[in-house]
């Protein structure tokens, strides 16, 4: 793992933990639960400064587009005779 060095004191580098959201994103986002877990982990990563705000912004923008796709699928997709699953992103 990459370590940051304290520039003012020259002390030993502090270990930087990997962002939790990376592991969730690597598994893929296929359900509403996956999306919620990713966004929750991303918020924690930003607060703990494990992810830059630029990366978080890009993920949030992509997540918004993903939710728009789901909305369009429900609005304009085929009408099923059976009840719809609880928010599934992939077909």
N, C-alpha and C. Protein backbone atom coordinates (compact mmCIF):
# COMPACT_ATOMS: atom_id res chain seq x y z
N UNK A 1 0.83 -1.17 0.00
CA UNK A 1 0.00 0.00 0.00
C UNK A 1 0.89 1.24 0.00
N UNK A 2 0.43 2.29 -0.64
CA UNK A 2 1.18 3.53 -0.71
C UNK A 2 1.12 4.22 0.65
N UNK A 3 2.23 4.79 1.05
CA UNK A 3 2.28 5.47 2.34
C UNK A 3 2.61 6.94 2.13
N UNK A 4 2.01 7.80 2.95
CA UNK A 4 2.29 9.22 2.89
C UNK A 4 3.38 9.55 3.90
N UNK A 5 4.31 10.41 3.50
CA UNK A 5 5.40 10.82 4.39
C UNK A 5 5.06 12.20 4.94
N UNK A 6 5.25 12.38 6.22
CA UNK A 6 5.00 13.66 6.86
C UNK A 6 6.11 14.62 6.46
N UNK A 7 5.80 15.61 5.65
CA UNK A 7 6.82 16.52 5.09
C UNK A 7 7.40 17.46 6.14
N UNK A 8 6.63 17.84 7.15
CA UNK A 8 7.12 18.82 8.11
C UNK A 8 8.04 18.21 9.16
N UNK A 9 7.75 17.01 9.59
CA UNK A 9 8.56 16.40 10.65
C UNK A 9 9.51 15.34 10.14
N UNK A 10 9.26 14.84 8.94
CA UNK A 10 10.11 13.79 8.38
C UNK A 10 9.92 12.45 9.05
N UNK A 11 8.81 12.30 9.77
CA UNK A 11 8.54 11.04 10.47
C UNK A 11 8.27 9.92 9.48
N UNK A 12 8.26 8.71 9.99
CA UNK A 12 7.98 7.53 9.17
C UNK A 12 6.63 7.68 8.49
N UNK A 13 6.49 7.12 7.31
CA UNK A 13 5.23 7.24 6.59
C UNK A 13 4.09 6.54 7.32
N UNK A 14 2.90 7.13 7.17
CA UNK A 14 1.70 6.53 7.75
C UNK A 14 1.06 5.63 6.70
N UNK A 15 0.65 4.43 7.07
CA UNK A 15 0.01 3.56 6.07
C UNK A 15 -1.35 4.12 5.66
N UNK A 16 -1.64 4.04 4.38
CA UNK A 16 -2.91 4.50 3.85
C UNK A 16 -3.71 3.26 3.45
N UNK A 17 -4.87 3.11 4.05
CA UNK A 17 -5.71 1.95 3.75
C UNK A 17 -6.39 2.13 2.40
N UNK A 18 -6.65 1.02 1.75
CA UNK A 18 -7.35 1.05 0.46
C UNK A 18 -8.79 1.50 0.67
N UNK A 19 -9.33 2.26 -0.27
CA UNK A 19 -10.73 2.68 -0.15
C UNK A 19 -11.67 1.48 -0.16
N UNK A 20 -12.66 1.49 0.72
CA UNK A 20 -13.63 0.40 0.79
C UNK A 20 -14.51 0.34 -0.45
N UNK A 21 -14.75 1.49 -1.04
CA UNK A 21 -15.63 1.53 -2.21
C UNK A 21 -15.03 0.82 -3.42
N UNK A 22 -13.70 0.70 -3.48
CA UNK A 22 -13.05 0.04 -4.61
C UNK A 22 -13.43 -1.44 -4.67
N UNK A 23 -13.44 -2.10 -3.53
CA UNK A 23 -13.81 -3.53 -3.51
C UNK A 23 -15.25 -3.74 -3.94
N UNK A 24 -16.14 -2.85 -3.54
CA UNK A 24 -17.55 -2.97 -3.92
C UNK A 24 -17.71 -2.72 -5.42
N UNK A 25 -17.02 -1.71 -5.92
CA UNK A 25 -17.11 -1.40 -7.35
C UNK A 25 -16.52 -2.53 -8.19
N UNK A 26 -15.48 -3.18 -7.70
CA UNK A 26 -14.86 -4.28 -8.44
C UNK A 26 -15.82 -5.47 -8.59
N UNK A 27 -16.67 -5.69 -7.59
CA UNK A 27 -17.68 -6.76 -7.68
C UNK A 27 -18.75 -6.43 -8.71
N UNK A 28 -18.97 -5.15 -8.93
CA UNK A 28 -20.00 -4.71 -9.87
C UNK A 28 -21.25 -4.26 -9.13
N UNK A 29 -22.01 -3.40 -9.77
CA UNK A 29 -23.24 -2.87 -9.20
C UNK A 29 -24.39 -3.39 -10.05
N UNK A 30 -25.14 -4.33 -9.49
CA UNK A 30 -26.24 -4.95 -10.25
C UNK A 30 -27.59 -4.77 -9.59
N UNK A 31 -27.62 -4.40 -8.32
CA UNK A 31 -28.89 -4.24 -7.61
C UNK A 31 -28.89 -2.92 -6.85
N UNK A 32 -30.04 -2.55 -6.36
CA UNK A 32 -30.15 -1.35 -5.55
C UNK A 32 -29.32 -1.46 -4.28
N UNK A 33 -29.25 -2.64 -3.72
CA UNK A 33 -28.45 -2.86 -2.51
C UNK A 33 -26.96 -2.64 -2.81
N UNK A 34 -26.49 -3.13 -3.96
CA UNK A 34 -25.10 -2.90 -4.36
C UNK A 34 -24.82 -1.41 -4.50
N UNK A 35 -25.76 -0.70 -5.13
CA UNK A 35 -25.60 0.74 -5.34
C UNK A 35 -25.54 1.48 -4.00
N UNK A 36 -26.44 1.12 -3.09
CA UNK A 36 -26.46 1.77 -1.78
C UNK A 36 -25.17 1.49 -1.01
N UNK A 37 -24.67 0.27 -1.07
CA UNK A 37 -23.41 -0.07 -0.39
C UNK A 37 -22.24 0.71 -0.98
N UNK A 38 -22.21 0.82 -2.31
CA UNK A 38 -21.14 1.57 -2.96
C UNK A 38 -21.16 3.04 -2.55
N UNK A 39 -22.33 3.65 -2.58
CA UNK A 39 -22.42 5.07 -2.23
C UNK A 39 -22.11 5.31 -0.75
N UNK A 40 -22.53 4.41 0.10
CA UNK A 40 -22.22 4.54 1.53
C UNK A 40 -20.72 4.44 1.77
N UNK A 41 -20.09 3.46 1.14
CA UNK A 41 -18.64 3.29 1.29
C UNK A 41 -17.89 4.48 0.69
N UNK A 42 -18.40 5.00 -0.43
CA UNK A 42 -17.76 6.15 -1.07
C UNK A 42 -17.83 7.37 -0.17
N UNK A 43 -18.96 7.58 0.48
CA UNK A 43 -19.07 8.72 1.41
C UNK A 43 -18.06 8.59 2.54
N UNK A 44 -17.94 7.39 3.08
CA UNK A 44 -16.96 7.17 4.15
C UNK A 44 -15.53 7.39 3.65
N UNK A 45 -15.25 6.91 2.44
CA UNK A 45 -13.91 7.08 1.87
C UNK A 45 -13.57 8.55 1.67
N UNK A 46 -14.53 9.35 1.24
CA UNK A 46 -14.27 10.78 1.04
C UNK A 46 -14.02 11.46 2.38
N UNK A 47 -14.83 11.14 3.37
CA UNK A 47 -14.67 11.75 4.69
C UNK A 47 -13.32 11.39 5.29
N UNK A 48 -12.89 10.14 5.10
CA UNK A 48 -11.61 9.68 5.64
C UNK A 48 -10.44 10.01 4.71
N UNK A 49 -10.71 10.73 3.63
CA UNK A 49 -9.72 11.18 2.66
C UNK A 49 -8.98 10.01 2.00
N UNK A 50 -9.69 8.93 1.75
CA UNK A 50 -9.13 7.79 1.03
C UNK A 50 -9.37 7.92 -0.47
N UNK A 51 -10.34 8.76 -0.84
CA UNK A 51 -10.70 8.99 -2.24
C UNK A 51 -10.77 10.49 -2.45
N UNK A 52 -10.23 10.96 -3.57
CA UNK A 52 -10.27 12.40 -3.85
C UNK A 52 -11.69 12.82 -4.19
N UNK A 53 -11.96 14.10 -4.01
CA UNK A 53 -13.29 14.61 -4.32
C UNK A 53 -13.57 14.54 -5.82
N UNK A 54 -12.54 14.62 -6.65
CA UNK A 54 -12.73 14.49 -8.10
C UNK A 54 -13.23 13.10 -8.46
N UNK A 55 -12.64 12.09 -7.86
CA UNK A 55 -13.06 10.71 -8.12
C UNK A 55 -14.48 10.49 -7.59
N UNK A 56 -14.76 10.99 -6.40
CA UNK A 56 -16.10 10.84 -5.82
C UNK A 56 -17.14 11.51 -6.70
N UNK A 57 -16.82 12.68 -7.22
CA UNK A 57 -17.74 13.39 -8.10
C UNK A 57 -18.02 12.58 -9.36
N UNK A 58 -16.99 12.01 -9.94
CA UNK A 58 -17.17 11.19 -11.15
C UNK A 58 -18.04 9.97 -10.87
N UNK A 59 -17.83 9.33 -9.73
CA UNK A 59 -18.63 8.15 -9.36
C UNK A 59 -20.09 8.54 -9.15
N UNK A 60 -20.31 9.66 -8.49
CA UNK A 60 -21.69 10.12 -8.25
C UNK A 60 -22.39 10.47 -9.56
N UNK A 61 -21.67 11.11 -10.48
CA UNK A 61 -22.27 11.42 -11.78
C UNK A 61 -22.62 10.14 -12.53
N UNK A 62 -21.72 9.17 -12.54
CA UNK A 62 -22.00 7.90 -13.21
C UNK A 62 -23.16 7.18 -12.53
N UNK A 63 -23.21 7.23 -11.20
CA UNK A 63 -24.32 6.61 -10.47
C UNK A 63 -25.65 7.24 -10.81
N UNK A 64 -25.66 8.55 -10.97
CA UNK A 64 -26.88 9.24 -11.36
C UNK A 64 -27.37 8.79 -12.73
N UNK A 65 -26.44 8.61 -13.66
CA UNK A 65 -26.79 8.13 -15.00
C UNK A 65 -27.34 6.71 -14.94
N UNK A 66 -26.74 5.90 -14.09
CA UNK A 66 -27.20 4.53 -13.92
C UNK A 66 -28.63 4.50 -13.40
N UNK A 67 -28.93 5.36 -12.46
CA UNK A 67 -30.29 5.42 -11.92
C UNK A 67 -31.28 5.93 -12.97
N UNK A 68 -30.82 6.82 -13.86
CA UNK A 68 -31.69 7.28 -14.94
C UNK A 68 -32.04 6.13 -15.89
N UNK A 69 -31.08 5.26 -16.15
CA UNK A 69 -31.33 4.10 -17.00
C UNK A 69 -32.39 3.21 -16.37
N UNK A 70 -32.29 2.98 -15.07
CA UNK A 70 -33.27 2.14 -14.38
C UNK A 70 -34.65 2.79 -14.45
N UNK A 71 -34.71 4.09 -14.27
CA UNK A 71 -35.98 4.81 -14.35
C UNK A 71 -36.60 4.65 -15.73
N UNK A 72 -35.79 4.79 -16.77
CA UNK A 72 -36.30 4.64 -18.14
C UNK A 72 -36.75 3.21 -18.41
N UNK A 73 -36.04 2.22 -17.85
CA UNK A 73 -36.44 0.82 -18.03
C UNK A 73 -37.81 0.60 -17.41
N UNK A 74 -38.05 1.15 -16.25
CA UNK A 74 -39.34 0.97 -15.59
C UNK A 74 -40.44 1.76 -16.29
N UNK A 75 -40.08 2.93 -16.79
CA UNK A 75 -41.09 3.79 -17.42
C UNK A 75 -41.44 3.33 -18.82
N UNK A 76 -40.44 2.93 -19.62
CA UNK A 76 -40.67 2.62 -21.03
C UNK A 76 -40.47 1.15 -21.38
N UNK A 77 -40.04 0.33 -20.44
CA UNK A 77 -39.80 -1.08 -20.72
C UNK A 77 -41.10 -1.86 -20.88
N UNK A 78 -40.97 -3.13 -21.26
CA UNK A 78 -42.15 -3.98 -21.39
C UNK A 78 -42.86 -4.10 -20.05
N UNK A 79 -44.16 -4.14 -20.12
CA UNK A 79 -44.95 -4.30 -18.91
C UNK A 79 -45.06 -5.78 -18.59
N UNK A 80 -44.51 -6.18 -17.47
CA UNK A 80 -44.53 -7.59 -17.06
C UNK A 80 -45.84 -7.90 -16.37
N UNK A 81 -46.29 -9.14 -16.50
CA UNK A 81 -47.52 -9.56 -15.84
C UNK A 81 -47.26 -9.87 -14.37
N UNK A 82 -46.03 -10.24 -14.05
CA UNK A 82 -45.68 -10.57 -12.67
C UNK A 82 -45.08 -9.34 -11.98
N UNK A 83 -45.07 -9.31 -10.67
CA UNK A 83 -44.50 -8.17 -9.96
C UNK A 83 -43.01 -7.99 -10.31
N UNK A 84 -42.58 -6.76 -10.37
CA UNK A 84 -41.20 -6.46 -10.71
C UNK A 84 -40.28 -6.76 -9.53
N UNK A 85 -39.03 -7.14 -9.84
CA UNK A 85 -38.07 -7.36 -8.74
C UNK A 85 -37.74 -6.05 -8.06
N UNK A 86 -37.21 -6.13 -6.88
CA UNK A 86 -36.89 -4.94 -6.11
C UNK A 86 -35.62 -4.29 -6.64
N UNK A 87 -35.74 -3.55 -7.75
CA UNK A 87 -34.65 -2.75 -8.30
C UNK A 87 -33.47 -3.58 -8.77
N UNK A 88 -33.52 -3.98 -10.01
CA UNK A 88 -32.43 -4.73 -10.62
C UNK A 88 -31.89 -3.92 -11.79
N UNK A 89 -30.57 -3.72 -11.83
CA UNK A 89 -29.98 -2.85 -12.82
C UNK A 89 -29.64 -3.55 -14.11
N UNK A 90 -29.43 -4.84 -14.10
CA UNK A 90 -29.05 -5.55 -15.30
C UNK A 90 -30.15 -6.54 -15.68
N UNK A 91 -30.28 -6.80 -16.95
CA UNK A 91 -31.36 -7.65 -17.42
C UNK A 91 -31.04 -9.04 -17.55
